[in-house]
N, C-alpha and C. Protein backbone atom coordinates (compact mmCIF):
# COMPACT_ATOMS: atom_id res chain seq x y z
N MET A 1 0.83 -1.19 0.00
CA MET A 1 0.00 0.00 0.00
C MET A 1 0.88 1.25 0.00
N ARG A 2 1.96 1.22 0.75
CA ARG A 2 2.85 2.38 0.81
C ARG A 2 3.38 2.72 -0.58
N VAL A 3 3.75 1.70 -1.36
CA VAL A 3 4.26 1.94 -2.71
C VAL A 3 3.20 2.63 -3.55
N PHE A 4 1.97 2.18 -3.45
CA PHE A 4 0.88 2.78 -4.20
C PHE A 4 0.69 4.24 -3.81
N LEU A 5 0.71 4.52 -2.54
CA LEU A 5 0.50 5.88 -2.07
C LEU A 5 1.63 6.80 -2.52
N ILE A 6 2.83 6.29 -2.57
CA ILE A 6 3.96 7.09 -3.04
C ILE A 6 3.77 7.44 -4.51
N LEU A 7 3.34 6.47 -5.31
CA LEU A 7 3.09 6.74 -6.73
C LEU A 7 2.12 7.89 -6.91
N VAL A 8 1.04 7.85 -6.19
CA VAL A 8 0.01 8.88 -6.33
C VAL A 8 0.56 10.24 -5.91
N ALA A 9 1.33 10.29 -4.84
CA ALA A 9 1.85 11.55 -4.33
C ALA A 9 2.81 12.20 -5.30
N VAL A 10 3.68 11.43 -5.89
CA VAL A 10 4.65 12.00 -6.82
C VAL A 10 3.92 12.58 -8.02
N LEU A 11 2.89 11.89 -8.45
CA LEU A 11 2.11 12.40 -9.59
C LEU A 11 1.58 13.79 -9.29
N ALA A 12 1.14 13.99 -8.08
CA ALA A 12 0.55 15.27 -7.72
C ALA A 12 1.59 16.39 -7.70
N SER A 13 2.86 16.05 -7.55
CA SER A 13 3.87 17.08 -7.40
C SER A 13 4.83 17.23 -8.57
N VAL A 14 4.62 16.49 -9.64
CA VAL A 14 5.51 16.59 -10.80
C VAL A 14 5.39 18.01 -11.36
N GLY A 15 6.49 18.72 -11.38
CA GLY A 15 6.46 20.13 -11.78
C GLY A 15 6.99 20.35 -13.18
N ALA A 16 7.02 21.60 -13.56
CA ALA A 16 7.48 21.97 -14.89
C ALA A 16 8.94 21.61 -15.10
N ALA A 17 9.74 21.66 -14.05
CA ALA A 17 11.16 21.31 -14.18
C ALA A 17 11.32 19.87 -14.62
N GLN A 18 10.51 18.97 -14.07
CA GLN A 18 10.59 17.57 -14.46
C GLN A 18 10.13 17.39 -15.90
N ALA A 19 9.18 18.18 -16.33
CA ALA A 19 8.67 18.06 -17.69
C ALA A 19 9.75 18.41 -18.70
N GLN A 20 10.73 19.21 -18.28
CA GLN A 20 11.80 19.61 -19.17
C GLN A 20 12.92 18.58 -19.24
N ASP A 21 12.94 17.60 -18.33
CA ASP A 21 13.95 16.56 -18.36
C ASP A 21 13.86 15.80 -19.68
N VAL A 22 15.01 15.52 -20.26
CA VAL A 22 15.04 14.81 -21.53
C VAL A 22 15.09 13.31 -21.24
N GLU A 23 14.15 12.61 -21.78
CA GLU A 23 14.10 11.15 -21.63
C GLU A 23 14.13 10.55 -23.02
N PRO A 24 14.72 9.35 -23.12
CA PRO A 24 14.67 8.67 -24.42
C PRO A 24 13.23 8.23 -24.71
N PRO A 25 12.91 7.98 -25.97
CA PRO A 25 11.56 7.49 -26.28
C PRO A 25 11.29 6.18 -25.53
N MET A 26 10.06 6.00 -25.13
CA MET A 26 9.70 4.76 -24.44
C MET A 26 9.64 3.64 -25.47
N THR A 27 10.24 2.54 -25.12
CA THR A 27 10.19 1.33 -25.93
C THR A 27 9.64 0.22 -25.05
N MET A 28 9.31 -0.88 -25.66
CA MET A 28 8.82 -2.01 -24.87
C MET A 28 9.91 -2.48 -23.91
N ALA A 29 11.17 -2.48 -24.37
CA ALA A 29 12.28 -2.91 -23.51
C ALA A 29 12.46 -1.97 -22.33
N ARG A 30 12.43 -0.66 -22.58
CA ARG A 30 12.60 0.31 -21.49
C ARG A 30 11.44 0.21 -20.50
N MET A 31 10.23 0.09 -21.01
CA MET A 31 9.08 -0.04 -20.13
C MET A 31 9.21 -1.29 -19.28
N GLY A 32 9.65 -2.39 -19.89
CA GLY A 32 9.86 -3.62 -19.14
C GLY A 32 10.89 -3.45 -18.03
N GLU A 33 11.98 -2.74 -18.31
CA GLU A 33 13.01 -2.48 -17.29
C GLU A 33 12.42 -1.70 -16.11
N ILE A 34 11.64 -0.68 -16.42
CA ILE A 34 11.02 0.13 -15.36
C ILE A 34 10.09 -0.72 -14.52
N LEU A 35 9.23 -1.49 -15.18
CA LEU A 35 8.24 -2.29 -14.45
C LEU A 35 8.92 -3.39 -13.62
N LEU A 36 9.95 -4.01 -14.17
CA LEU A 36 10.66 -5.05 -13.43
C LEU A 36 11.46 -4.47 -12.26
N THR A 37 11.86 -3.22 -12.36
CA THR A 37 12.52 -2.56 -11.24
C THR A 37 11.52 -2.31 -10.12
N ILE A 38 10.32 -1.92 -10.49
CA ILE A 38 9.27 -1.66 -9.50
C ILE A 38 8.82 -2.95 -8.84
N ASP A 39 8.65 -4.01 -9.63
CA ASP A 39 8.23 -5.31 -9.10
C ASP A 39 9.11 -6.41 -9.69
N PRO A 40 10.18 -6.79 -8.98
CA PRO A 40 11.09 -7.81 -9.50
C PRO A 40 10.41 -9.17 -9.74
N ASP A 41 9.23 -9.37 -9.15
CA ASP A 41 8.49 -10.61 -9.35
C ASP A 41 7.55 -10.56 -10.54
N ALA A 42 7.55 -9.45 -11.27
CA ALA A 42 6.67 -9.31 -12.44
C ALA A 42 7.00 -10.40 -13.46
N ARG A 43 5.96 -10.82 -14.20
CA ARG A 43 6.12 -11.87 -15.22
C ARG A 43 5.90 -11.26 -16.59
N ALA A 44 6.92 -11.39 -17.42
CA ALA A 44 6.84 -10.86 -18.79
C ALA A 44 6.60 -11.99 -19.77
N SER A 45 5.73 -11.74 -20.74
CA SER A 45 5.48 -12.70 -21.82
C SER A 45 5.09 -11.93 -23.07
N GLN A 46 5.86 -12.10 -24.12
CA GLN A 46 5.64 -11.41 -25.40
C GLN A 46 5.47 -9.91 -25.18
N ASN A 47 4.28 -9.39 -25.36
CA ASN A 47 4.07 -7.95 -25.25
C ASN A 47 3.35 -7.54 -23.96
N ALA A 48 3.35 -8.41 -22.95
CA ALA A 48 2.63 -8.12 -21.71
C ALA A 48 3.52 -8.36 -20.49
N ILE A 49 3.25 -7.58 -19.45
CA ILE A 49 3.89 -7.78 -18.16
C ILE A 49 2.78 -7.82 -17.12
N GLU A 50 2.78 -8.87 -16.32
CA GLU A 50 1.82 -9.00 -15.23
C GLU A 50 2.57 -8.80 -13.93
N MET A 51 2.00 -7.96 -13.07
CA MET A 51 2.65 -7.65 -11.81
C MET A 51 1.59 -7.40 -10.75
N THR A 52 2.05 -7.27 -9.52
CA THR A 52 1.15 -6.93 -8.42
C THR A 52 1.73 -5.71 -7.72
N LEU A 53 0.91 -4.68 -7.59
CA LEU A 53 1.30 -3.47 -6.87
C LEU A 53 0.25 -3.16 -5.83
N ALA A 54 0.69 -2.94 -4.62
CA ALA A 54 -0.21 -2.64 -3.52
C ALA A 54 -1.31 -3.69 -3.40
N GLY A 55 -0.95 -4.95 -3.68
CA GLY A 55 -1.90 -6.05 -3.57
C GLY A 55 -2.89 -6.14 -4.72
N ILE A 56 -2.72 -5.34 -5.75
CA ILE A 56 -3.64 -5.29 -6.88
C ILE A 56 -2.94 -5.86 -8.12
N PRO A 57 -3.57 -6.81 -8.82
CA PRO A 57 -2.95 -7.32 -10.05
C PRO A 57 -3.03 -6.28 -11.16
N VAL A 58 -1.92 -6.09 -11.87
CA VAL A 58 -1.84 -5.12 -12.95
C VAL A 58 -1.27 -5.82 -14.18
N ILE A 59 -1.86 -5.54 -15.34
CA ILE A 59 -1.35 -6.05 -16.61
C ILE A 59 -1.00 -4.85 -17.46
N VAL A 60 0.22 -4.83 -17.97
CA VAL A 60 0.65 -3.76 -18.88
C VAL A 60 1.00 -4.41 -20.21
N ILE A 61 0.35 -3.96 -21.26
CA ILE A 61 0.63 -4.49 -22.60
C ILE A 61 1.08 -3.34 -23.49
N ALA A 62 1.86 -3.68 -24.49
CA ALA A 62 2.33 -2.67 -25.43
C ALA A 62 2.46 -3.27 -26.81
N ASP A 63 2.35 -2.42 -27.81
CA ASP A 63 2.52 -2.81 -29.19
C ASP A 63 3.34 -1.71 -29.87
N SER A 64 4.61 -2.01 -30.14
CA SER A 64 5.47 -0.98 -30.73
C SER A 64 5.03 -0.63 -32.15
N ALA A 65 4.49 -1.57 -32.90
CA ALA A 65 4.04 -1.29 -34.26
C ALA A 65 2.87 -0.30 -34.25
N ALA A 66 1.99 -0.42 -33.28
CA ALA A 66 0.86 0.49 -33.16
C ALA A 66 1.21 1.71 -32.29
N ASP A 67 2.38 1.68 -31.66
CA ASP A 67 2.85 2.75 -30.77
C ASP A 67 1.84 3.03 -29.66
N ARG A 68 1.36 1.97 -29.02
CA ARG A 68 0.37 2.10 -27.94
C ARG A 68 0.77 1.25 -26.75
N MET A 69 0.34 1.70 -25.58
CA MET A 69 0.47 0.90 -24.37
C MET A 69 -0.85 0.97 -23.61
N ARG A 70 -1.06 -0.03 -22.77
CA ARG A 70 -2.28 -0.07 -21.95
C ARG A 70 -1.93 -0.71 -20.62
N ALA A 71 -2.25 -0.01 -19.53
CA ALA A 71 -2.16 -0.58 -18.18
C ALA A 71 -3.58 -0.92 -17.76
N MET A 72 -3.78 -2.14 -17.24
CA MET A 72 -5.14 -2.60 -16.92
C MET A 72 -5.18 -3.26 -15.56
N VAL A 73 -6.26 -3.02 -14.85
CA VAL A 73 -6.50 -3.63 -13.55
C VAL A 73 -7.91 -4.23 -13.58
N PRO A 74 -8.04 -5.54 -13.36
CA PRO A 74 -9.39 -6.12 -13.31
C PRO A 74 -10.11 -5.67 -12.04
N ILE A 75 -11.39 -5.32 -12.19
CA ILE A 75 -12.15 -4.84 -11.03
C ILE A 75 -13.22 -5.85 -10.60
N ARG A 76 -14.03 -6.29 -11.54
CA ARG A 76 -15.12 -7.22 -11.20
C ARG A 76 -15.73 -7.76 -12.49
N SER A 77 -16.60 -8.74 -12.34
CA SER A 77 -17.35 -9.23 -13.48
C SER A 77 -18.32 -8.13 -13.92
N ALA A 78 -18.46 -7.97 -15.21
CA ALA A 78 -19.42 -6.98 -15.73
C ALA A 78 -20.84 -7.53 -15.66
N GLU A 79 -20.95 -8.84 -15.56
CA GLU A 79 -22.26 -9.46 -15.49
C GLU A 79 -22.97 -9.01 -14.21
N GLY A 80 -24.17 -8.58 -14.35
CA GLY A 80 -24.96 -8.17 -13.19
C GLY A 80 -24.79 -6.71 -12.82
N MET A 81 -23.96 -5.96 -13.55
CA MET A 81 -23.86 -4.53 -13.25
C MET A 81 -25.19 -3.87 -13.60
N THR A 82 -25.68 -3.08 -12.70
CA THR A 82 -26.96 -2.41 -12.93
C THR A 82 -26.77 -1.20 -13.84
N GLN A 83 -27.88 -0.70 -14.35
CA GLN A 83 -27.82 0.50 -15.17
C GLN A 83 -27.23 1.65 -14.37
N GLY A 84 -27.56 1.72 -13.09
CA GLY A 84 -27.02 2.77 -12.23
C GLY A 84 -25.50 2.66 -12.06
N GLU A 85 -24.99 1.44 -11.94
CA GLU A 85 -23.54 1.24 -11.81
C GLU A 85 -22.83 1.62 -13.11
N LEU A 86 -23.41 1.23 -14.24
CA LEU A 86 -22.83 1.59 -15.53
C LEU A 86 -22.83 3.10 -15.73
N LEU A 87 -23.92 3.75 -15.35
CA LEU A 87 -24.00 5.21 -15.46
C LEU A 87 -22.93 5.85 -14.57
N ARG A 88 -22.76 5.32 -13.37
CA ARG A 88 -21.79 5.92 -12.44
C ARG A 88 -20.36 5.83 -12.97
N VAL A 89 -19.97 4.69 -13.58
CA VAL A 89 -18.61 4.61 -14.10
C VAL A 89 -18.43 5.54 -15.30
N LEU A 90 -19.49 5.73 -16.09
CA LEU A 90 -19.39 6.69 -17.20
C LEU A 90 -19.25 8.12 -16.67
N GLN A 91 -19.97 8.43 -15.61
CA GLN A 91 -19.81 9.75 -15.00
C GLN A 91 -18.39 9.94 -14.48
N ALA A 92 -17.86 8.91 -13.84
CA ALA A 92 -16.49 8.99 -13.31
C ALA A 92 -15.49 9.18 -14.44
N ASN A 93 -15.71 8.54 -15.58
CA ASN A 93 -14.82 8.72 -16.72
C ASN A 93 -14.76 10.19 -17.15
N PHE A 94 -15.83 10.91 -16.92
CA PHE A 94 -15.89 12.31 -17.31
C PHE A 94 -15.15 13.22 -16.33
N ASP A 95 -15.24 12.92 -15.02
CA ASP A 95 -14.69 13.90 -14.09
C ASP A 95 -13.73 13.39 -13.02
N SER A 96 -13.89 12.22 -12.50
CA SER A 96 -13.06 11.84 -11.35
C SER A 96 -12.04 10.74 -11.61
N ALA A 97 -12.17 10.02 -12.70
CA ALA A 97 -11.21 8.94 -12.98
C ALA A 97 -9.89 9.49 -13.54
N LEU A 98 -9.88 10.78 -13.90
CA LEU A 98 -8.70 11.45 -14.43
C LEU A 98 -8.25 10.80 -15.74
N ASP A 99 -6.98 10.37 -15.86
CA ASP A 99 -6.51 9.78 -17.12
C ASP A 99 -6.82 8.29 -17.22
N ALA A 100 -7.14 7.67 -16.12
CA ALA A 100 -7.59 6.27 -16.15
C ALA A 100 -9.05 6.27 -16.56
N ARG A 101 -9.53 5.13 -16.98
CA ARG A 101 -10.93 4.99 -17.38
C ARG A 101 -11.46 3.65 -16.92
N TYR A 102 -12.76 3.62 -16.71
CA TYR A 102 -13.45 2.35 -16.51
C TYR A 102 -13.82 1.83 -17.90
N ALA A 103 -13.67 0.54 -18.10
CA ALA A 103 -13.99 -0.05 -19.40
C ALA A 103 -14.51 -1.47 -19.19
N VAL A 104 -15.33 -1.92 -20.12
CA VAL A 104 -15.84 -3.29 -20.09
C VAL A 104 -15.28 -4.03 -21.29
N ALA A 105 -14.66 -5.18 -21.03
CA ALA A 105 -14.13 -6.04 -22.08
C ALA A 105 -14.04 -7.45 -21.54
N GLN A 106 -14.30 -8.41 -22.41
CA GLN A 106 -14.19 -9.82 -22.07
C GLN A 106 -14.97 -10.18 -20.80
N GLY A 107 -16.15 -9.54 -20.65
CA GLY A 107 -17.04 -9.85 -19.52
C GLY A 107 -16.59 -9.29 -18.19
N ARG A 108 -15.60 -8.39 -18.18
CA ARG A 108 -15.08 -7.82 -16.95
C ARG A 108 -15.14 -6.29 -17.00
N LEU A 109 -15.21 -5.69 -15.82
CA LEU A 109 -15.01 -4.26 -15.67
C LEU A 109 -13.54 -4.06 -15.32
N TRP A 110 -12.89 -3.16 -16.03
CA TRP A 110 -11.46 -2.90 -15.86
C TRP A 110 -11.22 -1.43 -15.53
N GLY A 111 -10.12 -1.16 -14.87
CA GLY A 111 -9.54 0.17 -14.81
C GLY A 111 -8.44 0.17 -15.86
N VAL A 112 -8.43 1.13 -16.77
CA VAL A 112 -7.44 1.14 -17.86
C VAL A 112 -6.83 2.53 -18.03
N PHE A 113 -5.61 2.53 -18.52
CA PHE A 113 -4.90 3.75 -18.89
C PHE A 113 -4.28 3.44 -20.24
N ILE A 114 -4.62 4.22 -21.26
CA ILE A 114 -4.15 3.97 -22.62
C ILE A 114 -3.38 5.20 -23.09
N HIS A 115 -2.22 4.97 -23.70
CA HIS A 115 -1.36 6.09 -24.10
C HIS A 115 -0.49 5.67 -25.28
N PRO A 116 -0.07 6.61 -26.13
CA PRO A 116 0.94 6.27 -27.13
C PRO A 116 2.22 5.81 -26.42
N LEU A 117 2.89 4.82 -26.97
CA LEU A 117 4.06 4.25 -26.30
C LEU A 117 5.29 5.15 -26.38
N SER A 118 5.70 5.56 -27.56
CA SER A 118 6.99 6.26 -27.70
C SER A 118 7.08 7.58 -26.95
N PRO A 119 6.04 8.41 -26.87
CA PRO A 119 6.18 9.66 -26.11
C PRO A 119 5.96 9.49 -24.60
N LEU A 120 5.62 8.29 -24.15
CA LEU A 120 5.35 8.05 -22.74
C LEU A 120 6.60 8.30 -21.91
N LYS A 121 6.49 9.09 -20.88
CA LYS A 121 7.58 9.37 -19.96
C LYS A 121 7.49 8.42 -18.76
N LYS A 122 8.62 8.25 -18.08
CA LYS A 122 8.64 7.35 -16.92
C LYS A 122 7.58 7.75 -15.88
N ASP A 123 7.49 9.05 -15.57
CA ASP A 123 6.51 9.49 -14.57
C ASP A 123 5.08 9.29 -15.06
N GLN A 124 4.86 9.37 -16.37
CA GLN A 124 3.52 9.08 -16.89
C GLN A 124 3.19 7.60 -16.72
N LEU A 125 4.18 6.74 -16.90
CA LEU A 125 3.96 5.31 -16.68
C LEU A 125 3.63 5.06 -15.22
N LEU A 126 4.36 5.69 -14.31
CA LEU A 126 4.06 5.54 -12.89
C LEU A 126 2.66 6.07 -12.59
N SER A 127 2.29 7.18 -13.22
CA SER A 127 0.96 7.74 -13.06
C SER A 127 -0.11 6.76 -13.55
N ALA A 128 0.17 6.12 -14.67
CA ALA A 128 -0.77 5.13 -15.21
C ALA A 128 -1.03 4.04 -14.20
N LEU A 129 0.03 3.55 -13.57
CA LEU A 129 -0.12 2.49 -12.57
C LEU A 129 -0.93 2.97 -11.38
N VAL A 130 -0.61 4.14 -10.88
CA VAL A 130 -1.32 4.69 -9.73
C VAL A 130 -2.79 4.88 -10.04
N GLN A 131 -3.08 5.50 -11.16
CA GLN A 131 -4.47 5.80 -11.48
C GLN A 131 -5.30 4.55 -11.72
N THR A 132 -4.74 3.55 -12.41
CA THR A 132 -5.53 2.34 -12.66
C THR A 132 -5.77 1.59 -11.35
N ILE A 133 -4.77 1.56 -10.49
CA ILE A 133 -4.95 0.91 -9.18
C ILE A 133 -6.01 1.67 -8.38
N ASN A 134 -5.94 2.99 -8.44
CA ASN A 134 -6.88 3.78 -7.65
C ASN A 134 -8.31 3.67 -8.14
N VAL A 135 -8.54 3.61 -9.46
CA VAL A 135 -9.94 3.46 -9.91
C VAL A 135 -10.49 2.11 -9.47
N ALA A 136 -9.62 1.11 -9.41
CA ALA A 136 -10.08 -0.20 -8.91
C ALA A 136 -10.39 -0.13 -7.42
N ARG A 137 -9.52 0.48 -6.66
CA ARG A 137 -9.71 0.59 -5.20
C ARG A 137 -10.93 1.41 -4.83
N THR A 138 -11.22 2.44 -5.61
CA THR A 138 -12.31 3.34 -5.25
C THR A 138 -13.62 3.02 -5.95
N TYR A 139 -13.63 1.92 -6.73
CA TYR A 139 -14.88 1.51 -7.39
C TYR A 139 -15.94 1.27 -6.31
N GLY A 140 -17.12 1.80 -6.54
CA GLY A 140 -18.21 1.64 -5.59
C GLY A 140 -18.22 2.71 -4.50
N GLN A 141 -17.20 3.58 -4.52
CA GLN A 141 -17.11 4.65 -3.52
C GLN A 141 -16.85 5.98 -4.21
N ALA A 142 -15.58 6.38 -4.32
CA ALA A 142 -15.25 7.68 -4.89
C ALA A 142 -15.06 7.64 -6.40
N TYR A 143 -14.82 6.45 -6.98
CA TYR A 143 -14.61 6.31 -8.43
C TYR A 143 -13.54 7.30 -8.90
N SER A 144 -12.39 7.29 -8.26
CA SER A 144 -11.37 8.31 -8.50
C SER A 144 -10.05 7.73 -8.98
N GLY A 145 -9.42 8.43 -9.93
CA GLY A 145 -8.07 8.10 -10.34
C GLY A 145 -7.05 8.51 -9.30
N GLY A 146 -7.43 9.47 -8.45
CA GLY A 146 -6.65 9.84 -7.28
C GLY A 146 -5.37 10.59 -7.48
N ALA A 147 -4.99 10.93 -8.71
CA ALA A 147 -3.71 11.59 -8.92
C ALA A 147 -3.75 13.04 -8.49
N GLN A 148 -4.92 13.63 -8.43
CA GLN A 148 -5.04 15.00 -7.97
C GLN A 148 -6.02 15.03 -6.82
N VAL A 149 -5.57 15.65 -5.74
CA VAL A 149 -6.42 15.78 -4.58
C VAL A 149 -6.49 17.27 -4.26
N PHE A 150 -7.70 17.78 -4.17
CA PHE A 150 -7.89 19.19 -3.86
C PHE A 150 -8.29 19.33 -2.41
N GLY A 151 -7.93 20.44 -1.81
CA GLY A 151 -8.29 20.68 -0.43
C GLY A 151 -7.09 20.56 0.48
N GLY A 152 -7.32 20.72 1.76
CA GLY A 152 -6.23 20.75 2.73
C GLY A 152 -6.08 19.49 3.54
N GLY A 153 -6.52 18.35 3.00
CA GLY A 153 -6.45 17.10 3.77
C GLY A 153 -5.09 16.45 3.72
N ASP A 154 -5.03 15.21 4.17
CA ASP A 154 -3.79 14.46 4.28
C ASP A 154 -3.47 13.61 3.07
N SER A 155 -4.44 13.40 2.17
CA SER A 155 -4.28 12.45 1.08
C SER A 155 -3.11 12.79 0.16
N ASN A 156 -2.92 14.06 -0.14
CA ASN A 156 -1.85 14.44 -1.05
C ASN A 156 -0.50 13.96 -0.55
N GLY A 157 -0.22 14.13 0.73
CA GLY A 157 1.05 13.68 1.30
C GLY A 157 1.21 12.18 1.25
N ILE A 158 0.15 11.46 1.49
CA ILE A 158 0.19 10.00 1.44
C ILE A 158 0.47 9.53 0.03
N TYR A 159 -0.21 10.11 -0.95
CA TYR A 159 -0.01 9.74 -2.34
C TYR A 159 1.41 10.07 -2.80
N GLN A 160 1.93 11.20 -2.33
CA GLN A 160 3.27 11.62 -2.70
C GLN A 160 4.30 10.59 -2.24
N GLU A 161 4.14 10.04 -1.06
CA GLU A 161 5.07 9.03 -0.54
C GLU A 161 5.13 7.81 -1.45
N LEU A 162 4.00 7.32 -1.91
CA LEU A 162 3.96 6.15 -2.78
C LEU A 162 4.66 6.44 -4.11
N PHE A 163 4.35 7.55 -4.70
CA PHE A 163 4.95 7.89 -5.98
C PHE A 163 6.47 7.99 -5.85
N GLU A 164 6.94 8.63 -4.79
CA GLU A 164 8.39 8.78 -4.57
C GLU A 164 9.05 7.42 -4.36
N GLU A 165 8.39 6.53 -3.65
CA GLU A 165 8.95 5.20 -3.42
C GLU A 165 9.13 4.46 -4.74
N LEU A 166 8.13 4.48 -5.61
CA LEU A 166 8.25 3.83 -6.91
C LEU A 166 9.29 4.52 -7.78
N ARG A 167 9.33 5.80 -7.70
CA ARG A 167 10.29 6.57 -8.49
C ARG A 167 11.72 6.23 -8.08
N LYS A 168 11.98 6.11 -6.79
CA LYS A 168 13.32 5.78 -6.30
C LYS A 168 13.75 4.39 -6.76
N LYS A 169 12.82 3.47 -6.82
CA LYS A 169 13.14 2.12 -7.31
C LYS A 169 13.63 2.15 -8.72
N GLY A 170 13.12 3.06 -9.53
CA GLY A 170 13.50 3.14 -10.93
C GLY A 170 14.36 4.35 -11.24
N GLN A 171 15.01 4.92 -10.23
CA GLN A 171 15.77 6.15 -10.39
C GLN A 171 16.80 6.09 -11.50
N GLU A 172 17.49 4.96 -11.63
CA GLU A 172 18.57 4.88 -12.62
C GLU A 172 18.06 4.70 -14.03
N LEU A 173 16.78 4.49 -14.22
CA LEU A 173 16.25 4.27 -15.56
C LEU A 173 15.96 5.57 -16.29
């Protein structure tokens, strides 16, 4: 859980100075290195990496020919979702899920983050992980991607710790 909270926190504090850092284009190999640094127990196969972060299973797939990546977190079976539940996830996609989205595929409800692969920055990848985990965790409650917290509460500091922890693990990348 601490790792997850650090991921979210760093996302909230990434400033303009970091945006100016020069990073090489993201490739499947570089993304794999970052993910394996975060979770050494991650399992890679062809174009997918399966890992567990903060107790949540995460699947990251990429296709260099299509220049796309997708981080996915299974949430629940889509079977039996009421019209009200479906409406609520669509509402969250509009305002509170941030860059992550709720999606239905293969009979499941997923938290997903989809982005072009080559322009993806390391911190954006970390953000993808945090947001998809958070939409899964907050399903049925806040329906939030959690990367931005407004107000004077404690959540921002907690999220910052998780993001920094994940960032330190991949510092040399």
